[in-house]
């Protein structure tokens, strides 16, 4: 298992229950073959640039250990989740 981190941005109009459900869904995918070491719901922030006429987003940062199969499944699910504006999964070198 390797160390990874993922940051994703959820649509700003999402309700608190929806945001919590999305976070739990992604952490459930990670925990199915990996482990979450740190999860940080950073809250609503201004985007650096406008994406599809959206100026704000709810940022979430997750550090985790997982296999490449878990990362591939997480990537696939994030691509088809409508509430996620952008995401980036990177391997943690440190």
N, C-alpha and C. Protein backbone atom coordinates (compact mmCIF):
# COMPACT_ATOMS: atom_id res chain seq x y z
N UNK A 1 0.84 -1.19 0.00
CA UNK A 1 0.00 0.00 0.00
C UNK A 1 0.88 1.24 0.00
N UNK A 2 0.44 2.23 -0.73
CA UNK A 2 1.16 3.48 -0.84
C UNK A 2 0.35 4.61 -0.24
N UNK A 3 1.03 5.72 0.04
CA UNK A 3 0.36 6.90 0.59
C UNK A 3 -0.13 7.77 -0.56
N UNK A 4 -1.36 8.24 -0.44
CA UNK A 4 -1.96 9.13 -1.43
C UNK A 4 -2.65 10.28 -0.71
N UNK A 5 -2.95 11.31 -1.48
CA UNK A 5 -3.84 12.35 -0.98
C UNK A 5 -4.75 12.76 -2.13
N UNK A 6 -5.98 13.08 -1.78
CA UNK A 6 -6.95 13.52 -2.77
C UNK A 6 -7.59 14.81 -2.26
N UNK A 7 -7.71 15.78 -3.15
CA UNK A 7 -8.45 16.99 -2.84
C UNK A 7 -9.56 17.08 -3.88
N UNK A 8 -10.77 17.30 -3.38
CA UNK A 8 -11.88 17.47 -4.30
C UNK A 8 -12.74 18.64 -3.86
N UNK A 9 -13.45 19.22 -4.84
CA UNK A 9 -14.27 20.41 -4.62
C UNK A 9 -15.71 20.04 -4.94
N UNK A 10 -16.59 20.28 -3.98
CA UNK A 10 -18.01 19.98 -4.12
C UNK A 10 -18.74 21.28 -4.45
N UNK A 11 -19.81 21.19 -5.21
CA UNK A 11 -20.62 22.36 -5.58
C UNK A 11 -21.04 23.13 -4.34
N UNK A 12 -21.01 24.47 -4.39
CA UNK A 12 -21.30 25.28 -3.20
C UNK A 12 -22.75 25.23 -2.75
N UNK A 13 -23.68 24.92 -3.65
CA UNK A 13 -25.09 24.91 -3.26
C UNK A 13 -25.51 23.60 -2.59
N UNK A 14 -24.59 22.65 -2.45
CA UNK A 14 -24.89 21.37 -1.80
C UNK A 14 -25.18 21.59 -0.32
N UNK A 15 -26.21 20.91 0.18
CA UNK A 15 -26.57 21.03 1.59
C UNK A 15 -25.57 20.26 2.44
N UNK A 16 -25.56 20.55 3.74
CA UNK A 16 -24.61 19.93 4.66
C UNK A 16 -24.76 18.40 4.68
N UNK A 17 -26.00 17.90 4.64
CA UNK A 17 -26.22 16.45 4.64
C UNK A 17 -25.66 15.80 3.37
N UNK A 18 -25.81 16.49 2.24
CA UNK A 18 -25.29 15.99 0.98
C UNK A 18 -23.77 15.95 0.99
N UNK A 19 -23.17 17.00 1.52
CA UNK A 19 -21.70 17.05 1.61
C UNK A 19 -21.20 15.92 2.49
N UNK A 20 -21.85 15.71 3.64
CA UNK A 20 -21.43 14.63 4.55
C UNK A 20 -21.60 13.27 3.88
N UNK A 21 -22.67 13.08 3.12
CA UNK A 21 -22.90 11.81 2.43
C UNK A 21 -21.83 11.55 1.37
N UNK A 22 -21.43 12.60 0.65
CA UNK A 22 -20.39 12.46 -0.37
C UNK A 22 -19.06 12.10 0.28
N UNK A 23 -18.71 12.78 1.38
CA UNK A 23 -17.46 12.50 2.08
C UNK A 23 -17.46 11.06 2.59
N UNK A 24 -18.56 10.62 3.17
CA UNK A 24 -18.64 9.24 3.68
C UNK A 24 -18.58 8.22 2.54
N UNK A 25 -19.17 8.54 1.39
CA UNK A 25 -19.13 7.63 0.24
C UNK A 25 -17.70 7.43 -0.24
N UNK A 26 -16.95 8.53 -0.38
CA UNK A 26 -15.57 8.42 -0.85
C UNK A 26 -14.68 7.74 0.18
N UNK A 27 -14.89 8.03 1.47
CA UNK A 27 -14.10 7.37 2.51
C UNK A 27 -14.44 5.89 2.59
N UNK A 28 -15.68 5.52 2.28
CA UNK A 28 -16.06 4.12 2.24
C UNK A 28 -15.34 3.37 1.12
N UNK A 29 -15.19 4.03 -0.02
CA UNK A 29 -14.46 3.43 -1.14
C UNK A 29 -12.99 3.22 -0.74
N UNK A 30 -12.41 4.22 -0.09
CA UNK A 30 -11.01 4.12 0.33
C UNK A 30 -10.84 3.01 1.36
N UNK A 31 -11.76 2.93 2.33
CA UNK A 31 -11.65 1.93 3.40
C UNK A 31 -11.89 0.51 2.91
N UNK A 32 -12.40 0.35 1.70
CA UNK A 32 -12.58 -0.97 1.11
C UNK A 32 -11.29 -1.40 0.42
N UNK A 33 -10.25 -1.63 1.19
CA UNK A 33 -8.95 -2.03 0.64
C UNK A 33 -7.84 -1.07 1.00
N UNK A 34 -8.14 -0.05 1.78
CA UNK A 34 -7.14 0.93 2.21
C UNK A 34 -7.53 1.49 3.56
N UNK A 35 -6.90 2.60 3.93
CA UNK A 35 -7.26 3.23 5.20
C UNK A 35 -7.07 4.74 5.10
N UNK A 36 -8.03 5.48 5.66
CA UNK A 36 -7.96 6.94 5.70
C UNK A 36 -7.12 7.32 6.90
N UNK A 37 -6.05 8.09 6.69
CA UNK A 37 -5.21 8.53 7.81
C UNK A 37 -5.61 9.91 8.31
N UNK A 38 -6.12 10.77 7.42
CA UNK A 38 -6.54 12.11 7.83
C UNK A 38 -7.57 12.63 6.84
N UNK A 39 -8.64 13.22 7.36
CA UNK A 39 -9.67 13.79 6.52
C UNK A 39 -9.96 15.20 7.01
N UNK A 40 -9.99 16.17 6.11
CA UNK A 40 -10.17 17.56 6.49
C UNK A 40 -11.21 18.21 5.58
N UNK A 41 -12.37 18.53 6.14
CA UNK A 41 -13.41 19.27 5.42
C UNK A 41 -13.10 20.74 5.62
N UNK A 42 -12.54 21.37 4.60
CA UNK A 42 -12.04 22.74 4.72
C UNK A 42 -13.12 23.80 4.61
N UNK A 43 -14.30 23.44 4.12
CA UNK A 43 -15.40 24.38 4.02
C UNK A 43 -15.44 25.12 2.70
N UNK A 44 -16.33 26.09 2.62
CA UNK A 44 -16.55 26.83 1.38
C UNK A 44 -15.46 27.89 1.21
N UNK A 45 -14.87 27.90 0.02
CA UNK A 45 -13.82 28.86 -0.32
C UNK A 45 -14.00 29.33 -1.74
N UNK A 46 -13.38 30.45 -2.06
CA UNK A 46 -13.40 31.01 -3.41
C UNK A 46 -12.46 30.20 -4.29
N UNK A 47 -12.91 29.87 -5.49
CA UNK A 47 -12.06 29.17 -6.45
C UNK A 47 -11.04 30.13 -7.04
N UNK A 48 -9.92 29.61 -7.47
CA UNK A 48 -8.88 30.45 -8.09
C UNK A 48 -9.37 31.01 -9.43
N UNK A 49 -10.20 30.24 -10.12
CA UNK A 49 -10.79 30.69 -11.37
C UNK A 49 -12.17 30.05 -11.49
N UNK A 50 -13.00 30.66 -12.29
CA UNK A 50 -14.38 30.21 -12.46
C UNK A 50 -14.42 28.90 -13.25
N UNK A 51 -15.22 27.95 -12.77
CA UNK A 51 -15.41 26.67 -13.45
C UNK A 51 -16.90 26.52 -13.76
N UNK A 52 -17.26 26.51 -15.02
CA UNK A 52 -18.66 26.40 -15.44
C UNK A 52 -19.56 27.40 -14.71
N UNK A 53 -19.11 28.63 -14.63
CA UNK A 53 -19.82 29.75 -14.01
C UNK A 53 -20.03 29.56 -12.50
N UNK A 54 -19.18 28.74 -11.88
CA UNK A 54 -19.22 28.55 -10.43
C UNK A 54 -17.99 29.24 -9.85
N UNK A 55 -18.19 30.08 -8.83
CA UNK A 55 -17.09 30.86 -8.25
C UNK A 55 -16.60 30.31 -6.91
N UNK A 56 -17.45 29.57 -6.18
CA UNK A 56 -17.10 29.03 -4.87
C UNK A 56 -17.19 27.52 -4.90
N UNK A 57 -16.60 26.88 -3.89
CA UNK A 57 -16.69 25.44 -3.76
C UNK A 57 -16.37 25.00 -2.35
N UNK A 58 -16.82 23.81 -2.00
CA UNK A 58 -16.53 23.23 -0.69
C UNK A 58 -15.35 22.28 -0.86
N UNK A 59 -14.24 22.60 -0.22
CA UNK A 59 -13.00 21.85 -0.38
C UNK A 59 -12.90 20.73 0.66
N UNK A 60 -12.43 19.56 0.21
CA UNK A 60 -12.19 18.42 1.10
C UNK A 60 -10.83 17.85 0.76
N UNK A 61 -9.99 17.62 1.78
CA UNK A 61 -8.66 17.05 1.61
C UNK A 61 -8.58 15.76 2.43
N UNK A 62 -8.17 14.66 1.78
CA UNK A 62 -8.09 13.36 2.44
C UNK A 62 -6.72 12.75 2.18
N UNK A 63 -6.03 12.33 3.25
CA UNK A 63 -4.79 11.56 3.16
C UNK A 63 -5.14 10.10 3.44
N UNK A 64 -4.60 9.19 2.62
CA UNK A 64 -4.94 7.78 2.82
C UNK A 64 -3.84 6.87 2.29
N UNK A 65 -3.88 5.62 2.77
CA UNK A 65 -3.01 4.55 2.28
C UNK A 65 -3.89 3.56 1.54
N UNK A 66 -3.48 3.17 0.33
CA UNK A 66 -4.31 2.26 -0.46
C UNK A 66 -3.50 1.62 -1.57
N UNK A 67 -4.13 0.64 -2.20
CA UNK A 67 -3.53 0.00 -3.37
C UNK A 67 -3.97 0.76 -4.62
N UNK A 68 -3.36 0.43 -5.74
CA UNK A 68 -3.68 1.13 -6.98
C UNK A 68 -5.10 0.80 -7.45
N UNK A 69 -5.61 -0.38 -7.11
CA UNK A 69 -6.99 -0.72 -7.50
C UNK A 69 -7.99 0.17 -6.80
N UNK A 70 -7.75 0.48 -5.52
CA UNK A 70 -8.65 1.37 -4.77
C UNK A 70 -8.60 2.77 -5.36
N UNK A 71 -7.42 3.23 -5.73
CA UNK A 71 -7.27 4.56 -6.32
C UNK A 71 -7.99 4.63 -7.66
N UNK A 72 -7.90 3.58 -8.46
CA UNK A 72 -8.59 3.55 -9.75
C UNK A 72 -10.10 3.60 -9.56
N UNK A 73 -10.63 2.88 -8.57
CA UNK A 73 -12.07 2.90 -8.30
C UNK A 73 -12.51 4.26 -7.79
N UNK A 74 -11.70 4.88 -6.92
CA UNK A 74 -12.01 6.21 -6.41
C UNK A 74 -12.04 7.23 -7.55
N UNK A 75 -11.09 7.14 -8.45
CA UNK A 75 -11.04 8.02 -9.61
C UNK A 75 -12.28 7.85 -10.48
N UNK A 76 -12.69 6.61 -10.71
CA UNK A 76 -13.86 6.33 -11.54
C UNK A 76 -15.13 6.90 -10.92
N UNK A 77 -15.31 6.71 -9.62
CA UNK A 77 -16.52 7.19 -8.94
C UNK A 77 -16.55 8.72 -8.89
N UNK A 78 -15.40 9.35 -8.66
CA UNK A 78 -15.36 10.82 -8.62
C UNK A 78 -15.70 11.43 -9.97
N UNK A 79 -15.29 10.76 -11.06
CA UNK A 79 -15.59 11.27 -12.40
C UNK A 79 -17.09 11.28 -12.68
N UNK A 80 -17.84 10.32 -12.13
CA UNK A 80 -19.27 10.23 -12.44
C UNK A 80 -20.15 10.87 -11.37
N UNK A 81 -19.55 11.42 -10.31
CA UNK A 81 -20.33 12.09 -9.27
C UNK A 81 -20.58 13.54 -9.69
N UNK A 82 -21.85 13.89 -9.85
CA UNK A 82 -22.22 15.22 -10.36
C UNK A 82 -21.87 16.35 -9.41
N UNK A 83 -21.87 16.10 -8.11
CA UNK A 83 -21.62 17.16 -7.13
C UNK A 83 -20.16 17.58 -7.08
N UNK A 84 -19.25 16.76 -7.60
CA UNK A 84 -17.82 17.07 -7.57
C UNK A 84 -17.47 17.91 -8.79
N UNK A 85 -16.93 19.12 -8.53
CA UNK A 85 -16.54 20.02 -9.62
C UNK A 85 -15.18 19.59 -10.18
N UNK A 86 -14.20 19.46 -9.29
CA UNK A 86 -12.84 19.07 -9.66
C UNK A 86 -12.27 18.18 -8.56
N UNK A 87 -11.30 17.33 -8.96
CA UNK A 87 -10.59 16.51 -7.98
C UNK A 87 -9.21 16.21 -8.50
N UNK A 88 -8.31 15.90 -7.58
CA UNK A 88 -6.95 15.52 -7.95
C UNK A 88 -6.44 14.50 -6.94
N UNK A 89 -6.02 13.35 -7.44
CA UNK A 89 -5.43 12.32 -6.60
C UNK A 89 -3.94 12.27 -6.91
N UNK A 90 -3.12 12.42 -5.88
CA UNK A 90 -1.66 12.38 -6.07
C UNK A 90 -1.05 11.42 -5.07
N UNK A 91 0.08 10.83 -5.47
CA UNK A 91 0.83 9.97 -4.57
C UNK A 91 1.68 10.83 -3.66
N UNK A 92 1.61 10.57 -2.37
CA UNK A 92 2.38 11.33 -1.39
C UNK A 92 3.80 10.78 -1.34
N UNK A 93 4.78 11.63 -1.59
CA UNK A 93 6.17 11.18 -1.65
C UNK A 93 6.79 11.11 -0.26
N UNK A 94 6.36 11.96 0.63
CA UNK A 94 6.98 12.03 1.96
C UNK A 94 6.55 10.90 2.84
